[in-house]
Amino acid sequence: MALAGGAYTVDEVIKMSELVRFGVSIDHHLLDKFDELIGRKGYKNRSEAIRDLIRDHMVEQEWEADAETVGTFTMVYDHHTRDLSSRLTHLQHSFTGEICSVLHVHLDHNNCLEVLVLKGKAQLLQKLADKLVSVRGVKHGKLTMTTTGEAMPAGQGDHSHLDADDGHHHGHSHD
């Protein structure tokens, strides 16, 4: 963020000098689609969108390498299904080292939502998710994994995200 008159602080100049600029050749139709996508997502510029795409790919590589990951498993189930609660509890107790926290919400008279916060090797978390979603009475389940952040390079400088609710940018620093 520039000071009045367009001047930068010393810290900002140092951070900018750590960034690398490079050129990309790309079909103009593909670039138009990319610009539409990043506009809908609220990116201020292509650079931050490209950085996030690279980070996403790095996270996928962590999963494939069976690295230590974190994630959530979200499921909706009919709690009236016979023995479902005991089967889910038994499964969850089999993975106590990987389950950090559980949130349980009563959606209506029949349906419950549970969100499990998980940490462990990617393949083990996938195995847990597969076992949970296959239990009779579970209507839907989804595993979402991300990085622990340890293998991820620190973010560069400030950026902002467009808030979908009010259309305003809400900036924050990754220092």
Protein backbone atom coordinates (compact mmCIF):
# COMPACT_ATOMS: atom_id res chain seq x y z
CA MET A 1 0.00 0.00 0.00
CA ALA A 2 1.62 3.25 -1.12
CA LEU A 3 1.90 6.25 1.16
CA ALA A 4 0.44 9.62 0.21
CA GLY A 5 2.03 10.81 -3.02
CA GLY A 6 2.70 7.23 -4.19
CA ALA A 7 5.77 6.63 -2.01
CA TYR A 8 6.38 3.18 -0.48
CA THR A 9 7.72 2.31 2.94
CA VAL A 10 11.12 0.60 3.20
CA ASP A 11 9.46 -2.69 4.23
CA GLU A 12 7.18 -2.58 1.18
CA VAL A 13 10.11 -1.96 -1.17
CA ILE A 14 11.99 -4.93 0.35
CA LYS A 15 8.95 -7.19 -0.04
CA MET A 16 8.43 -6.08 -3.63
CA SER A 17 12.07 -6.84 -4.41
CA GLU A 18 11.49 -10.46 -3.26
CA LEU A 19 8.78 -10.95 -5.90
CA VAL A 20 9.69 -12.33 -9.31
CA ARG A 21 7.95 -11.11 -12.44
CA PHE A 22 7.58 -13.42 -15.43
CA GLY A 23 5.69 -13.42 -18.71
CA VAL A 24 3.11 -15.95 -19.82
CA SER A 25 1.96 -16.63 -23.36
CA ILE A 26 -1.70 -17.62 -23.39
CA ASP A 27 -4.55 -17.82 -25.89
CA HIS A 28 -6.66 -14.66 -25.59
CA HIS A 29 -9.92 -16.66 -25.29
CA LEU A 30 -8.50 -18.62 -22.37
CA LEU A 31 -7.27 -15.40 -20.77
CA ASP A 32 -10.73 -13.84 -21.18
CA LYS A 33 -12.27 -16.86 -19.39
CA PHE A 34 -9.61 -16.62 -16.67
CA ASP A 35 -10.33 -12.92 -16.17
CA GLU A 36 -14.07 -13.67 -15.87
CA LEU A 37 -13.34 -16.38 -13.30
CA ILE A 38 -11.05 -14.27 -11.16
CA GLY A 39 -13.48 -11.36 -11.39
CA ARG A 40 -16.29 -13.55 -10.03
CA LYS A 41 -14.03 -14.76 -7.24
CA GLY A 42 -13.06 -11.20 -6.30
CA TYR A 43 -9.36 -11.17 -7.10
CA LYS A 44 -7.82 -7.73 -7.56
CA ASN A 45 -5.33 -8.99 -10.11
CA ARG A 46 -4.12 -12.00 -12.07
CA SER A 47 -0.98 -12.38 -9.97
CA GLU A 48 -2.82 -13.34 -6.79
CA ALA A 49 -5.10 -15.70 -8.71
CA ILE A 50 -2.10 -17.42 -10.28
CA ARG A 51 -0.37 -17.67 -6.88
CA ASP A 52 -3.49 -19.35 -5.45
CA LEU A 53 -3.63 -21.80 -8.38
CA ILE A 54 0.01 -22.72 -7.73
CA ARG A 55 -0.70 -23.16 -4.01
CA ASP A 56 -3.70 -25.39 -4.81
CA HIS A 57 -1.49 -27.56 -6.98
CA MET A 58 1.13 -27.76 -4.22
CA VAL A 59 -1.55 -28.91 -1.75
CA GLU A 60 -2.70 -31.61 -4.20
CA GLN A 61 0.92 -32.80 -4.41
CA GLU A 62 1.02 -33.07 -0.61
CA TRP A 63 -2.09 -35.30 -0.66
CA GLU A 64 -0.64 -37.49 -3.41
CA ALA A 65 2.62 -37.83 -1.46
CA ASP A 66 0.61 -38.95 1.59
CA ALA A 67 1.98 -36.02 3.60
CA GLU A 68 0.59 -34.83 6.92
CA THR A 69 -2.58 -32.94 6.01
CA VAL A 70 -5.57 -31.39 7.69
CA GLY A 71 -9.14 -31.30 6.56
CA THR A 72 -12.79 -31.67 7.32
CA PHE A 73 -15.24 -34.46 6.70
CA THR A 74 -18.82 -33.24 6.49
CA MET A 75 -21.74 -35.63 6.49
CA VAL A 76 -25.52 -35.53 6.66
CA TYR A 77 -27.33 -38.56 7.99
CA ASP A 78 -30.71 -39.78 9.17
CA HIS A 79 -30.23 -40.29 12.90
CA HIS A 80 -33.28 -42.61 13.01
CA THR A 81 -31.42 -45.26 11.00
CA ARG A 82 -31.02 -48.34 13.18
CA ASP A 83 -27.59 -48.60 14.89
CA LEU A 84 -26.22 -45.65 12.88
CA SER A 85 -25.13 -43.64 15.92
CA SER A 86 -23.27 -46.57 17.44
CA ARG A 87 -21.58 -47.45 14.11
CA LEU A 88 -20.46 -43.84 13.56
CA THR A 89 -19.21 -43.56 17.14
CA HIS A 90 -17.31 -46.86 16.84
CA LEU A 91 -15.65 -45.73 13.60
CA GLN A 92 -14.75 -42.34 15.03
CA HIS A 93 -13.22 -43.99 18.11
CA SER A 94 -11.07 -46.09 15.77
CA PHE A 95 -9.50 -42.87 14.45
CA THR A 96 -9.16 -40.81 17.65
CA GLY A 97 -5.61 -39.76 16.74
CA GLU A 98 -6.83 -38.25 13.47
CA ILE A 99 -10.05 -36.60 14.71
CA CYS A 100 -9.32 -33.24 16.35
CA SER A 101 -12.89 -32.06 16.87
CA VAL A 102 -16.49 -32.89 15.97
CA LEU A 103 -19.39 -30.49 15.46
CA HIS A 104 -22.90 -31.98 15.57
CA VAL A 105 -25.96 -30.05 14.35
CA HIS A 106 -29.61 -31.15 14.36
CA LEU A 107 -30.94 -30.03 10.97
CA ASP A 108 -34.52 -31.19 11.44
CA HIS A 109 -36.46 -34.02 13.09
CA ASN A 110 -34.66 -36.70 11.04
CA ASN A 111 -31.38 -35.28 9.79
CA CYS A 112 -28.13 -34.38 11.47
CA LEU A 113 -24.99 -32.76 10.16
CA GLU A 114 -21.57 -33.62 11.53
CA VAL A 115 -18.29 -31.93 10.69
CA LEU A 116 -15.12 -33.71 11.74
CA VAL A 117 -11.87 -31.75 11.84
CA LEU A 118 -9.09 -34.13 10.86
CA LYS A 119 -5.29 -34.21 10.89
CA GLY A 120 -3.08 -37.02 9.67
CA LYS A 121 -1.63 -38.76 6.63
CA ALA A 122 -3.72 -38.09 3.54
CA GLN A 123 -4.39 -41.76 2.75
CA LEU A 124 -5.53 -42.47 6.31
CA LEU A 125 -7.93 -39.50 6.26
CA GLN A 126 -9.31 -40.73 2.93
CA LYS A 127 -9.76 -44.21 4.41
CA LEU A 128 -11.73 -42.75 7.35
CA ALA A 129 -13.91 -40.70 4.99
CA ASP A 130 -14.59 -43.73 2.79
CA LYS A 131 -15.62 -45.81 5.81
CA LEU A 132 -17.91 -43.09 7.18
CA VAL A 133 -19.68 -42.34 3.92
CA SER A 134 -20.35 -46.04 3.30
CA VAL A 135 -22.28 -46.48 6.57
CA ARG A 136 -26.00 -47.15 5.95
CA GLY A 137 -27.98 -44.03 6.85
CA VAL A 138 -25.30 -41.53 5.80
CA LYS A 139 -26.99 -39.55 3.04
CA HIS A 140 -23.97 -37.56 1.91
CA GLY A 141 -20.38 -37.14 2.97
CA LYS A 142 -17.48 -35.12 1.65
CA LEU A 143 -13.81 -34.95 2.58
CA THR A 144 -12.04 -31.65 2.02
CA MET A 145 -8.32 -31.68 2.65
CA THR A 146 -5.83 -28.85 2.75
CA THR A 147 -2.28 -28.24 3.84
CA THR A 148 -0.92 -27.93 7.35
CA GLY A 149 0.93 -24.93 5.97
CA GLU A 150 4.37 -26.22 6.94
CA ALA A 151 5.48 -27.02 3.38
CA MET A 152 3.83 -23.92 1.93
CA PRO A 153 5.96 -20.82 1.31
CA ALA A 154 4.80 -17.78 3.23
CA GLY A 155 2.53 -15.40 1.36
CA GLN A 156 3.94 -12.21 -0.06
CA GLY A 157 2.59 -8.94 1.24
CA ASP A 158 -0.96 -7.74 1.50
CA HIS A 159 -3.88 -8.73 -0.63
CA SER A 160 -7.59 -8.44 -0.34
CA HIS A 161 -10.61 -10.54 -1.12
CA LEU A 162 -13.91 -9.23 -2.38
CA ASP A 163 -16.61 -10.01 0.18
CA ALA A 164 -19.46 -11.74 -1.65
CA ASP A 165 -22.06 -10.30 0.73
CA ASP A 166 -21.29 -6.62 0.48
CA GLY A 167 -18.96 -6.31 -2.51
CA HIS A 168 -16.21 -4.62 -0.46
CA HIS A 169 -12.58 -5.62 -0.34
CA HIS A 170 -11.35 -6.92 2.99
CA GLY A 171 -7.57 -6.86 3.02
CA HIS A 172 -5.16 -8.69 5.25
CA SER A 173 -1.49 -9.34 5.45
CA HIS A 174 0.29 -12.67 5.16
CA ASP A 175 3.35 -11.50 7.11
